[in-house]
PDB file of N, CA and C in Angstrom:
ATOM      1  N   UNK A   1      -8.542  12.569   3.118  1.00  0.00           N
ATOM      2  CA  UNK A   1      -8.710  12.926   1.727  1.00  0.00           C
ATOM      3  C   UNK A   1      -7.887  12.013   0.821  1.00  0.00           C
ATOM      4  N   UNK A   2      -6.664  11.661   1.248  1.00  0.00           N
ATOM      5  CA  UNK A   2      -5.814  10.812   0.428  1.00  0.00           C
ATOM      6  C   UNK A   2      -6.459   9.449   0.216  1.00  0.00           C
ATOM      7  N   UNK A   3      -7.086   8.910   1.247  1.00  0.00           N
ATOM      8  CA  UNK A   3      -7.732   7.604   1.115  1.00  0.00           C
ATOM      9  C   UNK A   3      -8.888   7.698   0.120  1.00  0.00           C
ATOM     10  N   UNK A   4      -9.651   8.785   0.180  1.00  0.00           N
ATOM     11  CA  UNK A   4     -10.746   8.980  -0.755  1.00  0.00           C
ATOM     12  C   UNK A   4     -10.249   9.101  -2.184  1.00  0.00           C
ATOM     13  N   UNK A   5      -9.169   9.830  -2.364  1.00  0.00           N
ATOM     14  CA  UNK A   5      -8.585   9.986  -3.693  1.00  0.00           C
ATOM     15  C   UNK A   5      -8.114   8.643  -4.219  1.00  0.00           C
ATOM     16  N   UNK A   6      -7.457   7.853  -3.359  1.00  0.00           N
ATOM     17  CA  UNK A   6      -6.950   6.540  -3.746  1.00  0.00           C
ATOM     18  C   UNK A   6      -8.104   5.630  -4.160  1.00  0.00           C
ATOM     19  N   UNK A   7      -9.190   5.626  -3.373  1.00  0.00           N
ATOM     20  CA  UNK A   7     -10.351   4.805  -3.699  1.00  0.00           C
ATOM     21  C   UNK A   7     -10.972   5.262  -5.014  1.00  0.00           C
ATOM     22  N   UNK A   8     -11.070   6.574  -5.205  1.00  0.00           N
ATOM     23  CA  UNK A   8     -11.616   7.126  -6.445  1.00  0.00           C
ATOM     24  C   UNK A   8     -10.763   6.705  -7.630  1.00  0.00           C
ATOM     25  N   UNK A   9      -9.438   6.783  -7.474  1.00  0.00           N
ATOM     26  CA  UNK A   9      -8.524   6.403  -8.547  1.00  0.00           C
ATOM     27  C   UNK A   9      -8.673   4.928  -8.881  1.00  0.00           C
ATOM     28  N   UNK A  10      -8.767   4.079  -7.854  1.00  0.00           N
ATOM     29  CA  UNK A  10      -8.957   2.651  -8.103  1.00  0.00           C
ATOM     30  C   UNK A  10     -10.267   2.395  -8.833  1.00  0.00           C
ATOM     31  N   UNK A  11     -11.342   3.055  -8.399  1.00  0.00           N
ATOM     32  CA  UNK A  11     -12.643   2.864  -9.036  1.00  0.00           C
ATOM     33  C   UNK A  11     -12.594   3.313 -10.489  1.00  0.00           C
ATOM     34  N   UNK A  12     -12.018   4.468 -10.739  1.00  0.00           N
ATOM     35  CA  UNK A  12     -11.918   4.989 -12.097  1.00  0.00           C
ATOM     36  C   UNK A  12     -11.097   4.047 -12.977  1.00  0.00           C
ATOM     37  N   UNK A  13      -9.988   3.546 -12.450  1.00  0.00           N
ATOM     38  CA  UNK A  13      -9.157   2.606 -13.194  1.00  0.00           C
ATOM     39  C   UNK A  13      -9.932   1.336 -13.505  1.00  0.00           C
ATOM     40  N   UNK A  14     -10.643   0.830 -12.502  1.00  0.00           N
ATOM     41  CA  UNK A  14     -11.430  -0.383 -12.678  1.00  0.00           C
ATOM     42  C   UNK A  14     -12.486  -0.184 -13.763  1.00  0.00           C
ATOM     43  N   UNK A  15     -13.187   0.954 -13.720  1.00  0.00           N
ATOM     44  CA  UNK A  15     -14.224   1.227 -14.718  1.00  0.00           C
ATOM     45  C   UNK A  15     -13.634   1.333 -16.120  1.00  0.00           C
ATOM     46  N   UNK A  16     -12.480   1.961 -16.233  1.00  0.00           N
ATOM     47  CA  UNK A  16     -11.823   2.067 -17.536  1.00  0.00           C
ATOM     48  C   UNK A  16     -11.420   0.688 -18.047  1.00  0.00           C
ATOM     49  N   UNK A  17     -10.893  -0.140 -17.145  1.00  0.00           N
ATOM     50  CA  UNK A  17     -10.484  -1.484 -17.549  1.00  0.00           C
ATOM     51  C   UNK A  17     -11.675  -2.320 -17.987  1.00  0.00           C
ATOM     52  N   UNK A  18     -12.805  -2.144 -17.331  1.00  0.00           N
ATOM     53  CA  UNK A  18     -14.005  -2.884 -17.725  1.00  0.00           C
ATOM     54  C   UNK A  18     -14.385  -2.514 -19.156  1.00  0.00           C
ATOM     55  N   UNK A  19     -14.397  -1.239 -19.444  1.00  0.00           N
ATOM     56  CA  UNK A  19     -14.739  -0.793 -20.797  1.00  0.00           C
ATOM     57  C   UNK A  19     -13.750  -1.316 -21.818  1.00  0.00           C
ATOM     58  N   UNK A  20     -12.460  -1.260 -21.502  1.00  0.00           N
ATOM     59  CA  UNK A  20     -11.430  -1.737 -22.413  1.00  0.00           C
ATOM     60  C   UNK A  20     -11.508  -3.249 -22.563  1.00  0.00           C
ATOM     61  N   UNK A  21     -11.627  -3.949 -21.443  1.00  0.00           N
ATOM     62  CA  UNK A  21     -11.605  -5.406 -21.507  1.00  0.00           C
ATOM     63  C   UNK A  21     -12.857  -5.957 -22.172  1.00  0.00           C
ATOM     64  N   UNK A  22     -13.994  -5.284 -22.023  1.00  0.00           N
ATOM     65  CA  UNK A  22     -15.196  -5.807 -22.675  1.00  0.00           C
ATOM     66  C   UNK A  22     -15.077  -5.684 -24.190  1.00  0.00           C
ATOM     67  N   UNK A  23     -14.471  -4.611 -24.667  1.00  0.00           N
ATOM     68  CA  UNK A  23     -14.266  -4.471 -26.107  1.00  0.00           C
ATOM     69  C   UNK A  23     -13.257  -5.502 -26.601  1.00  0.00           C
ATOM     70  N   UNK A  24     -12.198  -5.726 -25.834  1.00  0.00           N
ATOM     71  CA  UNK A  24     -11.158  -6.680 -26.210  1.00  0.00           C
ATOM     72  C   UNK A  24     -11.676  -8.109 -26.133  1.00  0.00           C
ATOM     73  N   UNK A  25     -12.466  -8.390 -25.105  1.00  0.00           N
ATOM     74  CA  UNK A  25     -12.951  -9.748 -24.872  1.00  0.00           C
ATOM     75  C   UNK A  25     -13.967 -10.189 -25.929  1.00  0.00           C
ATOM     76  N   UNK A  26     -14.479  -9.253 -26.704  1.00  0.00           N
ATOM     77  CA  UNK A  26     -15.408  -9.644 -27.764  1.00  0.00           C
ATOM     78  C   UNK A  26     -14.711 -10.558 -28.775  1.00  0.00           C
ATOM     79  N   UNK A  27     -13.395 -10.386 -28.904  1.00  0.00           N
ATOM     80  CA  UNK A  27     -12.633 -11.211 -29.830  1.00  0.00           C
ATOM     81  C   UNK A  27     -12.246 -12.555 -29.211  1.00  0.00           C
ATOM     82  N   UNK A  28     -12.226 -12.647 -27.879  1.00  0.00           N
ATOM     83  CA  UNK A  28     -11.806 -13.864 -27.202  1.00  0.00           C
ATOM     84  C   UNK A  28     -12.826 -14.214 -26.137  1.00  0.00           C
ATOM     85  N   UNK A  29     -13.000 -15.484 -25.894  1.00  0.00           N
ATOM     86  CA  UNK A  29     -13.915 -15.891 -24.830  1.00  0.00           C
ATOM     87  C   UNK A  29     -13.276 -15.601 -23.475  1.00  0.00           C
ATOM     88  N   UNK A  30     -14.105 -15.474 -22.479  1.00  0.00           N
ATOM     89  CA  UNK A  30     -13.616 -15.193 -21.128  1.00  0.00           C
ATOM     90  C   UNK A  30     -12.714 -16.315 -20.635  1.00  0.00           C
ATOM     91  N   UNK A  31     -12.999 -17.543 -21.056  1.00  0.00           N
ATOM     92  CA  UNK A  31     -12.166 -18.684 -20.654  1.00  0.00           C
ATOM     93  C   UNK A  31     -10.755 -18.554 -21.228  1.00  0.00           C
ATOM     94  N   UNK A  32     -10.670 -18.142 -22.478  1.00  0.00           N
ATOM     95  CA  UNK A  32      -9.370 -17.965 -23.117  1.00  0.00           C
ATOM     96  C   UNK A  32      -8.613 -16.828 -22.448  1.00  0.00           C
ATOM     97  N   UNK A  33      -9.316 -15.744 -22.200  1.00  0.00           N
ATOM     98  CA  UNK A  33      -8.691 -14.593 -21.544  1.00  0.00           C
ATOM     99  C   UNK A  33      -8.169 -14.997 -20.173  1.00  0.00           C
ATOM    100  N   UNK A  34      -8.997 -15.679 -19.379  1.00  0.00           N
ATOM    101  CA  UNK A  34      -8.578 -16.100 -18.038  1.00  0.00           C
ATOM    102  C   UNK A  34      -7.384 -17.043 -18.105  1.00  0.00           C
ATOM    103  N   UNK A  35      -7.379 -17.963 -19.054  1.00  0.00           N
ATOM    104  CA  UNK A  35      -6.266 -18.902 -19.200  1.00  0.00           C
ATOM    105  C   UNK A  35      -4.987 -18.147 -19.567  1.00  0.00           C
ATOM    106  N   UNK A  36      -5.110 -17.194 -20.491  1.00  0.00           N
ATOM    107  CA  UNK A  36      -3.930 -16.435 -20.918  1.00  0.00           C
ATOM    108  C   UNK A  36      -3.381 -15.545 -19.806  1.00  0.00           C
ATOM    109  N   UNK A  37      -4.245 -15.088 -18.935  1.00  0.00           N
ATOM    110  CA  UNK A  37      -3.806 -14.211 -17.843  1.00  0.00           C
ATOM    111  C   UNK A  37      -3.467 -14.976 -16.563  1.00  0.00           C
ATOM    112  N   UNK A  38      -3.714 -16.259 -16.550  1.00  0.00           N
ATOM    113  CA  UNK A  38      -3.562 -17.066 -15.343  1.00  0.00           C
ATOM    114  C   UNK A  38      -2.175 -16.951 -14.705  1.00  0.00           C
ATOM    115  N   UNK A  39      -1.125 -17.118 -15.477  1.00  0.00           N
ATOM    116  CA  UNK A  39       0.234 -17.070 -14.936  1.00  0.00           C
ATOM    117  C   UNK A  39       0.558 -15.700 -14.344  1.00  0.00           C
ATOM    118  N   UNK A  40       0.189 -14.651 -15.052  1.00  0.00           N
ATOM    119  CA  UNK A  40       0.452 -13.302 -14.545  1.00  0.00           C
ATOM    120  C   UNK A  40      -0.345 -13.037 -13.281  1.00  0.00           C
ATOM    121  N   UNK A  41      -1.569 -13.516 -13.230  1.00  0.00           N
ATOM    122  CA  UNK A  41      -2.403 -13.334 -12.037  1.00  0.00           C
ATOM    123  C   UNK A  41      -1.827 -14.094 -10.854  1.00  0.00           C
ATOM    124  N   UNK A  42      -1.273 -15.280 -11.100  1.00  0.00           N
ATOM    125  CA  UNK A  42      -0.624 -16.036 -10.017  1.00  0.00           C
ATOM    126  C   UNK A  42       0.571 -15.269  -9.474  1.00  0.00           C
ATOM    127  N   UNK A  43       1.329 -14.644 -10.358  1.00  0.00           N
ATOM    128  CA  UNK A  43       2.471 -13.821  -9.926  1.00  0.00           C
ATOM    129  C   UNK A  43       1.989 -12.663  -9.066  1.00  0.00           C
ATOM    130  N   UNK A  44       0.917 -12.001  -9.499  1.00  0.00           N
ATOM    131  CA  UNK A  44       0.370 -10.880  -8.725  1.00  0.00           C
ATOM    132  C   UNK A  44      -0.108 -11.358  -7.359  1.00  0.00           C
ATOM    133  N   UNK A  45      -0.820 -12.497  -7.319  1.00  0.00           N
ATOM    134  CA  UNK A  45      -1.285 -13.039  -6.042  1.00  0.00           C
ATOM    135  C   UNK A  45      -0.115 -13.314  -5.102  1.00  0.00           C
ATOM    136  N   UNK A  46       0.946 -13.881  -5.632  1.00  0.00           N
ATOM    137  CA  UNK A  46       2.134 -14.178  -4.832  1.00  0.00           C
ATOM    138  C   UNK A  46       2.781 -12.890  -4.326  1.00  0.00           C
ATOM    139  N   UNK A  47       2.889 -11.912  -5.191  1.00  0.00           N
ATOM    140  CA  UNK A  47       3.473 -10.628  -4.789  1.00  0.00           C
ATOM    141  C   UNK A  47       2.592  -9.916  -3.763  1.00  0.00           C
ATOM    142  N   UNK A  48       1.272 -10.019  -3.914  1.00  0.00           N
ATOM    143  CA  UNK A  48       0.370  -9.424  -2.928  1.00  0.00           C
ATOM    144  C   UNK A  48       0.575 -10.060  -1.553  1.00  0.00           C
ATOM    145  N   UNK A  49       0.721 -11.393  -1.518  1.00  0.00           N
ATOM    146  CA  UNK A  49       0.984 -12.076  -0.239  1.00  0.00           C
ATOM    147  C   UNK A  49       2.287 -11.582   0.357  1.00  0.00           C
ATOM    148  N   UNK A  50       3.309 -11.419  -0.483  1.00  0.00           N
ATOM    149  CA  UNK A  50       4.600 -10.938  -0.023  1.00  0.00           C
ATOM    150  C   UNK A  50       4.490  -9.520   0.534  1.00  0.00           C
ATOM    151  N   UNK A  51       3.756  -8.657  -0.164  1.00  0.00           N
ATOM    152  CA  UNK A  51       3.546  -7.293   0.326  1.00  0.00           C
ATOM    153  C   UNK A  51       2.915  -7.301   1.718  1.00  0.00           C
ATOM    154  N   UNK A  52       1.896  -8.128   1.913  1.00  0.00           N
ATOM    155  CA  UNK A  52       1.215  -8.199   3.202  1.00  0.00           C
ATOM    156  C   UNK A  52       2.158  -8.729   4.275  1.00  0.00           C
ATOM    157  N   UNK A  53       2.956  -9.733   3.943  1.00  0.00           N
ATOM    158  CA  UNK A  53       3.925 -10.263   4.901  1.00  0.00           C
ATOM    159  C   UNK A  53       4.938  -9.192   5.308  1.00  0.00           C
ATOM    160  N   UNK A  54       5.438  -8.440   4.334  1.00  0.00           N
ATOM    161  CA  UNK A  54       6.407  -7.377   4.625  1.00  0.00           C
ATOM    162  C   UNK A  54       5.753  -6.297   5.483  1.00  0.00           C
ATOM    163  N   UNK A  55       4.517  -5.925   5.157  1.00  0.00           N
ATOM    164  CA  UNK A  55       3.815  -4.928   5.972  1.00  0.00           C
ATOM    165  C   UNK A  55       3.592  -5.442   7.393  1.00  0.00           C
ATOM    166  N   UNK A  56       3.276  -6.726   7.532  1.00  0.00           N
ATOM    167  CA  UNK A  56       3.119  -7.309   8.858  1.00  0.00           C
ATOM    168  C   UNK A  56       4.417  -7.252   9.647  1.00  0.00           C
ATOM    169  N   UNK A  57       5.536  -7.565   9.003  1.00  0.00           N
ATOM    170  CA  UNK A  57       6.846  -7.468   9.660  1.00  0.00           C
ATOM    171  C   UNK A  57       7.137  -6.034  10.079  1.00  0.00           C
ATOM    172  N   UNK A  58       6.819  -5.107   9.197  1.00  0.00           N
ATOM    173  CA  UNK A  58       7.036  -3.687   9.508  1.00  0.00           C
ATOM    174  C   UNK A  58       6.202  -3.279  10.722  1.00  0.00           C
ATOM    175  N   UNK A  59       4.961  -3.726  10.759  1.00  0.00           N
ATOM    176  CA  UNK A  59       4.083  -3.333  11.867  1.00  0.00           C
ATOM    177  C   UNK A  59       4.537  -3.950  13.191  1.00  0.00           C
ATOM    178  N   UNK A  60       5.164  -5.113  13.162  1.00  0.00           N
ATOM    179  CA  UNK A  60       5.702  -5.674  14.403  1.00  0.00           C
ATOM    180  C   UNK A  60       6.832  -4.797  14.941  1.00  0.00           C
ATOM    181  N   UNK A  61       7.642  -4.235  14.062  1.00  0.00           N
ATOM    182  CA  UNK A  61       8.684  -3.295  14.489  1.00  0.00           C
ATOM    183  C   UNK A  61       8.036  -2.026  15.036  1.00  0.00           C
ATOM    184  N   UNK A  62       6.954  -1.591  14.392  1.00  0.00           N
ATOM    185  CA  UNK A  62       6.214  -0.420  14.873  1.00  0.00           C
ATOM    186  C   UNK A  62       5.732  -0.657  16.311  1.00  0.00           C
ATOM    187  N   UNK A  63       5.256  -1.860  16.591  1.00  0.00           N
ATOM    188  CA  UNK A  63       4.808  -2.166  17.954  1.00  0.00           C
ATOM    189  C   UNK A  63       5.963  -2.065  18.940  1.00  0.00           C
ATOM    190  N   UNK A  64       7.144  -2.538  18.557  1.00  0.00           N
ATOM    191  CA  UNK A  64       8.323  -2.416  19.417  1.00  0.00           C
ATOM    192  C   UNK A  64       8.629  -0.942  19.679  1.00  0.00           C
ATOM    193  N   UNK A  65       8.539  -0.148  18.636  1.00  0.00           N
ATOM    194  CA  UNK A  65       8.789   1.290  18.770  1.00  0.00           C
ATOM    195  C   UNK A  65       7.749   1.914  19.692  1.00  0.00           C
ATOM    196  N   UNK A  66       6.495   1.479  19.563  1.00  0.00           N
ATOM    197  CA  UNK A  66       5.438   1.996  20.429  1.00  0.00           C
ATOM    198  C   UNK A  66       5.714   1.729  21.900  1.00  0.00           C
ATOM    199  N   UNK A  67       6.208   0.539  22.201  1.00  0.00           N
ATOM    200  CA  UNK A  67       6.557   0.200  23.589  1.00  0.00           C
ATOM    201  C   UNK A  67       7.690   1.102  24.070  1.00  0.00           C
ATOM    202  N   UNK A  68       8.704   1.278  23.235  1.00  0.00           N
ATOM    203  CA  UNK A  68       9.832   2.152  23.597  1.00  0.00           C
ATOM    204  C   UNK A  68       9.355   3.575  23.856  1.00  0.00           C
ATOM    205  N   UNK A  69       8.521   4.080  22.945  1.00  0.00           N
ATOM    206  CA  UNK A  69       8.032   5.451  23.091  1.00  0.00           C
ATOM    207  C   UNK A  69       7.232   5.616  24.375  1.00  0.00           C
ATOM    208  N   UNK A  70       6.425   4.616  24.717  1.00  0.00           N
ATOM    209  CA  UNK A  70       5.635   4.692  25.941  1.00  0.00           C
ATOM    210  C   UNK A  70       6.554   4.752  27.155  1.00  0.00           C
ATOM    211  N   UNK A  71       7.553   3.889  27.195  1.00  0.00           N
ATOM    212  CA  UNK A  71       8.480   3.839  28.336  1.00  0.00           C
ATOM    213  C   UNK A  71       9.280   5.116  28.475  1.00  0.00           C
ATOM    214  N   UNK A  72       9.525   5.800  27.360  1.00  0.00           N
ATOM    215  CA  UNK A  72      10.383   6.985  27.368  1.00  0.00           C
ATOM    216  C   UNK A  72       9.618   8.282  27.133  1.00  0.00           C
ATOM    217  N   UNK A  73       8.291   8.219  27.266  1.00  0.00           N
ATOM    218  CA  UNK A  73       7.437   9.409  27.115  1.00  0.00           C
ATOM    219  C   UNK A  73       7.686  10.166  25.814  1.00  0.00           C
ATOM    220  N   UNK A  74       7.796   9.417  24.733  1.00  0.00           N
ATOM    221  CA  UNK A  74       7.974  10.006  23.404  1.00  0.00           C
ATOM    222  C   UNK A  74       6.615   9.947  22.708  1.00  0.00           C
ATOM    223  N   UNK A  75       6.138  11.066  22.167  1.00  0.00           N
ATOM    224  CA  UNK A  75       4.835  11.035  21.484  1.00  0.00           C
ATOM    225  C   UNK A  75       4.877  10.140  20.250  1.00  0.00           C
ATOM    226  N   UNK A  76       3.752   9.453  19.953  1.00  0.00           N
ATOM    227  CA  UNK A  76       3.713   8.562  18.788  1.00  0.00           C
ATOM    228  C   UNK A  76       4.016   9.278  17.464  1.00  0.00           C
ATOM    229  N   UNK A  77       3.490  10.470  17.288  1.00  0.00           N
ATOM    230  CA  UNK A  77       3.676  11.189  16.028  1.00  0.00           C
ATOM    231  C   UNK A  77       5.001  11.943  16.045  1.00  0.00           C
ATOM    232  N   UNK A  78       5.856  11.623  15.077  1.00  0.00           N
ATOM    233  CA  UNK A  78       7.158  12.270  14.897  1.00  0.00           C
ATOM    234  C   UNK A  78       7.218  12.802  13.463  1.00  0.00           C
ATOM    235  N   UNK A  79       6.704  14.025  13.232  1.00  0.00           N
ATOM    236  CA  UNK A  79       6.583  14.541  11.857  1.00  0.00           C
ATOM    237  C   UNK A  79       7.891  14.572  11.067  1.00  0.00           C
ATOM    238  N   UNK A  80       8.994  14.954  11.705  1.00  0.00           N
ATOM    239  CA  UNK A  80      10.267  15.025  10.972  1.00  0.00           C
ATOM    240  C   UNK A  80      10.698  13.635  10.498  1.00  0.00           C
ATOM    241  N   UNK A  81      10.519  12.647  11.349  1.00  0.00           N
ATOM    242  CA  UNK A  81      10.871  11.268  10.978  1.00  0.00           C
ATOM    243  C   UNK A  81       9.975  10.778   9.831  1.00  0.00           C
ATOM    244  N   UNK A  82       8.697  11.072   9.920  1.00  0.00           N
ATOM    245  CA  UNK A  82       7.789  10.633   8.869  1.00  0.00           C
ATOM    246  C   UNK A  82       8.150  11.275   7.537  1.00  0.00           C
ATOM    247  N   UNK A  83       8.536  12.535   7.561  1.00  0.00           N
ATOM    248  CA  UNK A  83       8.960  13.199   6.321  1.00  0.00           C
ATOM    249  C   UNK A  83      10.162  12.486   5.722  1.00  0.00           C
ATOM    250  N   UNK A  84      11.111  12.079   6.560  1.00  0.00           N
ATOM    251  CA  UNK A  84      12.273  11.321   6.070  1.00  0.00           C
ATOM    252  C   UNK A  84      11.830  10.013   5.413  1.00  0.00           C
ATOM    253  N   UNK A  85      10.918   9.317   6.063  1.00  0.00           N
ATOM    254  CA  UNK A  85      10.427   8.043   5.541  1.00  0.00           C
ATOM    255  C   UNK A  85       9.774   8.245   4.174  1.00  0.00           C
ATOM    256  N   UNK A  86       8.926   9.250   4.068  1.00  0.00           N
ATOM    257  CA  UNK A  86       8.231   9.509   2.794  1.00  0.00           C
ATOM    258  C   UNK A  86       9.224   9.915   1.713  1.00  0.00           C
ATOM    259  N   UNK A  87      10.163  10.785   2.048  1.00  0.00           N
ATOM    260  CA  UNK A  87      11.147  11.223   1.055  1.00  0.00           C
ATOM    261  C   UNK A  87      11.967  10.049   0.523  1.00  0.00           C
ATOM    262  N   UNK A  88      12.382   9.157   1.427  1.00  0.00           N
ATOM    263  CA  UNK A  88      13.138   7.966   0.999  1.00  0.00           C
ATOM    264  C   UNK A  88      12.260   7.065   0.125  1.00  0.00           C
ATOM    265  N   UNK A  89      11.018   6.914   0.510  1.00  0.00           N
ATOM    266  CA  UNK A  89      10.100   6.056  -0.249  1.00  0.00           C
ATOM    267  C   UNK A  89       9.838   6.631  -1.640  1.00  0.00           C
ATOM    268  N   UNK A  90       9.692   7.944  -1.733  1.00  0.00           N
ATOM    269  CA  UNK A  90       9.473   8.583  -3.034  1.00  0.00           C
ATOM    270  C   UNK A  90      10.676   8.348  -3.943  1.00  0.00           C
ATOM    271  N   UNK A  91      11.881   8.488  -3.394  1.00  0.00           N
ATOM    272  CA  UNK A  91      13.095   8.265  -4.190  1.00  0.00           C
ATOM    273  C   UNK A  91      13.176   6.810  -4.644  1.00  0.00           C
ATOM    274  N   UNK A  92      12.900   5.877  -3.735  1.00  0.00           N
ATOM    275  CA  UNK A  92      12.934   4.454  -4.095  1.00  0.00           C
ATOM    276  C   UNK A  92      11.838   4.140  -5.111  1.00  0.00           C
ATOM    277  N   UNK A  93      10.662   4.722  -4.916  1.00  0.00           N
ATOM    278  CA  UNK A  93       9.553   4.497  -5.836  1.00  0.00           C
ATOM    279  C   UNK A  93       9.851   5.013  -7.229  1.00  0.00           C
ATOM    280  N   UNK A  94      10.521   6.148  -7.310  1.00  0.00           N
ATOM    281  CA  UNK A  94      10.872   6.715  -8.615  1.00  0.00           C
ATOM    282  C   UNK A  94      11.744   5.743  -9.405  1.00  0.00           C
ATOM    283  N   UNK A  95      12.636   5.046  -8.716  1.00  0.00           N
ATOM    284  CA  UNK A  95      13.504   4.064  -9.383  1.00  0.00           C
ATOM    285  C   UNK A  95      12.695   2.878  -9.912  1.00  0.00           C
ATOM    286  N   UNK A  96      11.512   2.654  -9.351  1.00  0.00           N
ATOM    287  CA  UNK A  96      10.634   1.564  -9.776  1.00  0.00           C
ATOM    288  C   UNK A  96       9.529   2.038 -10.721  1.00  0.00           C
ATOM    289  N   UNK A  97       9.577   3.321 -11.081  1.00  0.00           N
ATOM    290  CA  UNK A  97       8.576   3.858 -11.997  1.00  0.00           C
ATOM    291  C   UNK A  97       7.268   4.244 -11.324  1.00  0.00           C
ATOM    292  N   UNK A  98       7.286   4.384 -10.000  1.00  0.00           N
ATOM    293  CA  UNK A  98       6.080   4.747  -9.253  1.00  0.00           C
ATOM    294  C   UNK A  98       6.020   6.257  -9.069  1.00  0.00           C
ATOM    295  N   UNK A  99       4.832   6.814  -9.185  1.00  0.00           N
ATOM    296  CA  UNK A  99       4.686   8.257  -9.040  1.00  0.00           C
ATOM    297  C   UNK A  99       4.843   8.660  -7.581  1.00  0.00           C
ATOM    298  N   UNK A 100       5.292   9.880  -7.382  1.00  0.00           N
ATOM    299  CA  UNK A 100       5.437  10.427  -6.028  1.00  0.00           C
ATOM    300  C   UNK A 100       4.083  10.474  -5.330  1.00  0.00           C
ATOM    301  N   UNK A 101       3.029  10.760  -6.087  1.00  0.00           N
ATOM    302  CA  UNK A 101       1.693  10.831  -5.504  1.00  0.00           C
ATOM    303  C   UNK A 101       1.261   9.471  -4.964  1.00  0.00           C
ATOM    304  N   UNK A 102       1.486   8.425  -5.747  1.00  0.00           N
ATOM    305  CA  UNK A 102       1.117   7.083  -5.304  1.00  0.00           C
ATOM    306  C   UNK A 102       1.908   6.694  -4.062  1.00  0.00           C
ATOM    307  N   UNK A 103       3.210   6.897  -4.102  1.00  0.00           N
ATOM    308  CA  UNK A 103       4.060   6.517  -2.966  1.00  0.00           C
ATOM    309  C   UNK A 103       3.661   7.304  -1.720  1.00  0.00           C
ATOM    310  N   UNK A 104       3.357   8.579  -1.885  1.00  0.00           N
ATOM    311  CA  UNK A 104       2.939   9.393  -0.737  1.00  0.00           C
ATOM    312  C   UNK A 104       1.639   8.863  -0.146  1.00  0.00           C
ATOM    313  N   UNK A 105       0.673   8.542  -0.991  1.00  0.00           N
ATOM    314  CA  UNK A 105      -0.601   7.987  -0.498  1.00  0.00           C
ATOM    315  C   UNK A 105      -0.375   6.659   0.218  1.00  0.00           C
ATOM    316  N   UNK A 106       0.452   5.821  -0.367  1.00  0.00           N
ATOM    317  CA  UNK A 106       0.757   4.527   0.243  1.00  0.00           C
ATOM    318  C   UNK A 106       1.405   4.716   1.611  1.00  0.00           C
ATOM    319  N   UNK A 107       2.396   5.584   1.686  1.00  0.00           N
ATOM    320  CA  UNK A 107       3.092   5.801   2.954  1.00  0.00           C
ATOM    321  C   UNK A 107       2.170   6.455   3.982  1.00  0.00           C
ATOM    322  N   UNK A 108       1.276   7.329   3.539  1.00  0.00           N
ATOM    323  CA  UNK A 108       0.303   7.911   4.468  1.00  0.00           C
ATOM    324  C   UNK A 108      -0.606   6.831   5.048  1.00  0.00           C
ATOM    325  N   UNK A 109      -1.041   5.888   4.215  1.00  0.00           N
ATOM    326  CA  UNK A 109      -1.890   4.794   4.695  1.00  0.00           C
ATOM    327  C   UNK A 109      -1.127   3.910   5.686  1.00  0.00           C
ATOM    328  N   UNK A 110       0.104   3.593   5.365  1.00  0.00           N
ATOM    329  CA  UNK A 110       0.930   2.781   6.263  1.00  0.00           C
ATOM    330  C   UNK A 110       1.161   3.523   7.569  1.00  0.00           C
ATOM    331  N   UNK A 111       1.441   4.815   7.476  1.00  0.00           N
ATOM    332  CA  UNK A 111       1.698   5.622   8.675  1.00  0.00           C
ATOM    333  C   UNK A 111       0.457   5.705   9.562  1.00  0.00           C
ATOM    334  N   UNK A 112      -0.692   5.859   8.947  1.00  0.00           N
ATOM    335  CA  UNK A 112      -1.940   5.901   9.715  1.00  0.00           C
ATOM    336  C   UNK A 112      -2.111   4.611  10.518  1.00  0.00           C
ATOM    337  N   UNK A 113      -1.865   3.476   9.873  1.00  0.00           N
ATOM    338  CA  UNK A 113      -1.963   2.186  10.559  1.00  0.00           C
ATOM    339  C   UNK A 113      -0.891   2.058  11.634  1.00  0.00           C
ATOM    340  N   UNK A 114       0.298   2.573  11.364  1.00  0.00           N
ATOM    341  CA  UNK A 114       1.375   2.534  12.360  1.00  0.00           C
ATOM    342  C   UNK A 114       1.001   3.332  13.598  1.00  0.00           C
ATOM    343  N   UNK A 115       0.441   4.514  13.392  1.00  0.00           N
ATOM    344  CA  UNK A 115       0.020   5.334  14.535  1.00  0.00           C
ATOM    345  C   UNK A 115      -1.091   4.642  15.319  1.00  0.00           C
ATOM    346  N   UNK A 116      -1.995   3.973  14.609  1.00  0.00           N
ATOM    347  CA  UNK A 116      -3.048   3.235  15.290  1.00  0.00           C
ATOM    348  C   UNK A 116      -2.441   2.132  16.147  1.00  0.00           C
ATOM    349  N   UNK A 117      -1.492   1.416  15.572  1.00  0.00           N
ATOM    350  CA  UNK A 117      -0.861   0.319  16.308  1.00  0.00           C
ATOM    351  C   UNK A 117      -0.024   0.841  17.478  1.00  0.00           C
ATOM    352  N   UNK A 118       0.693   1.919  17.280  1.00  0.00           N
ATOM    353  CA  UNK A 118       1.465   2.520  18.368  1.00  0.00           C
ATOM    354  C   UNK A 118       0.518   2.961  19.473  1.00  0.00           C
ATOM    355  N   UNK A 119      -0.615   3.538  19.086  1.00  0.00           N
ATOM    356  CA  UNK A 119      -1.603   3.959  20.071  1.00  0.00           C
ATOM    357  C   UNK A 119      -2.142   2.788  20.857  1.00  0.00           C
ATOM    358  N   UNK A 120      -2.394   1.655  20.185  1.00  0.00           N
ATOM    359  CA  UNK A 120      -2.841   0.456  20.876  1.00  0.00           C
ATOM    360  C   UNK A 120      -1.788  -0.022  21.850  1.00  0.00           C
ATOM    361  N   UNK A 121      -0.528   0.059  21.440  1.00  0.00           N
ATOM    362  CA  UNK A 121       0.580  -0.381  22.285  1.00  0.00           C
ATOM    363  C   UNK A 121       0.712   0.503  23.506  1.00  0.00           C
ATOM    364  N   UNK A 122       0.556   1.802  23.297  1.00  0.00           N
ATOM    365  CA  UNK A 122       0.756   2.730  24.414  1.00  0.00           C
ATOM    366  C   UNK A 122      -0.409   2.723  25.384  1.00  0.00           C
ATOM    367  N   UNK A 123      -1.549   2.144  25.021  1.00  0.00           N
ATOM    368  CA  UNK A 123      -2.696   2.074  25.932  1.00  0.00           C
ATOM    369  C   UNK A 123      -2.581   0.918  26.896  1.00  0.00           C
ATOM    370  N   UNK A 124      -1.743  -0.070  26.582  1.00  0.00           N
ATOM    371  CA  UNK A 124      -1.646  -1.278  27.423  1.00  0.00           C
ATOM    372  C   UNK A 124      -0.832  -1.004  28.665  1.00  0.00           C
TER     373      UNK A 124
END
């Protein structure tokens, strides 16, 4: 459900931006708009690459944990630990102006991928 809500929110935001930007762009050509936004878009692209790199590093640690859990018969899902992770992320996100709902959805998505990766590790 969280993934569906996130996709719905992104779609709704995108549709709102289209309506807003089309009204705004009537005053400026698309070329001017793209040129004016170019630097900010480059920053976003760079930050997106960094986010993916950090997530990749995190998932490599998850794989190490998966191997440990397999060797020590520890189940992949640790609800108490995940709650700690989410609570810390919500607190850190609040300092960055991020809503608890967004941070929770993000951490749920990351956790889902972590469990998938741990499961792949434990099958080998």
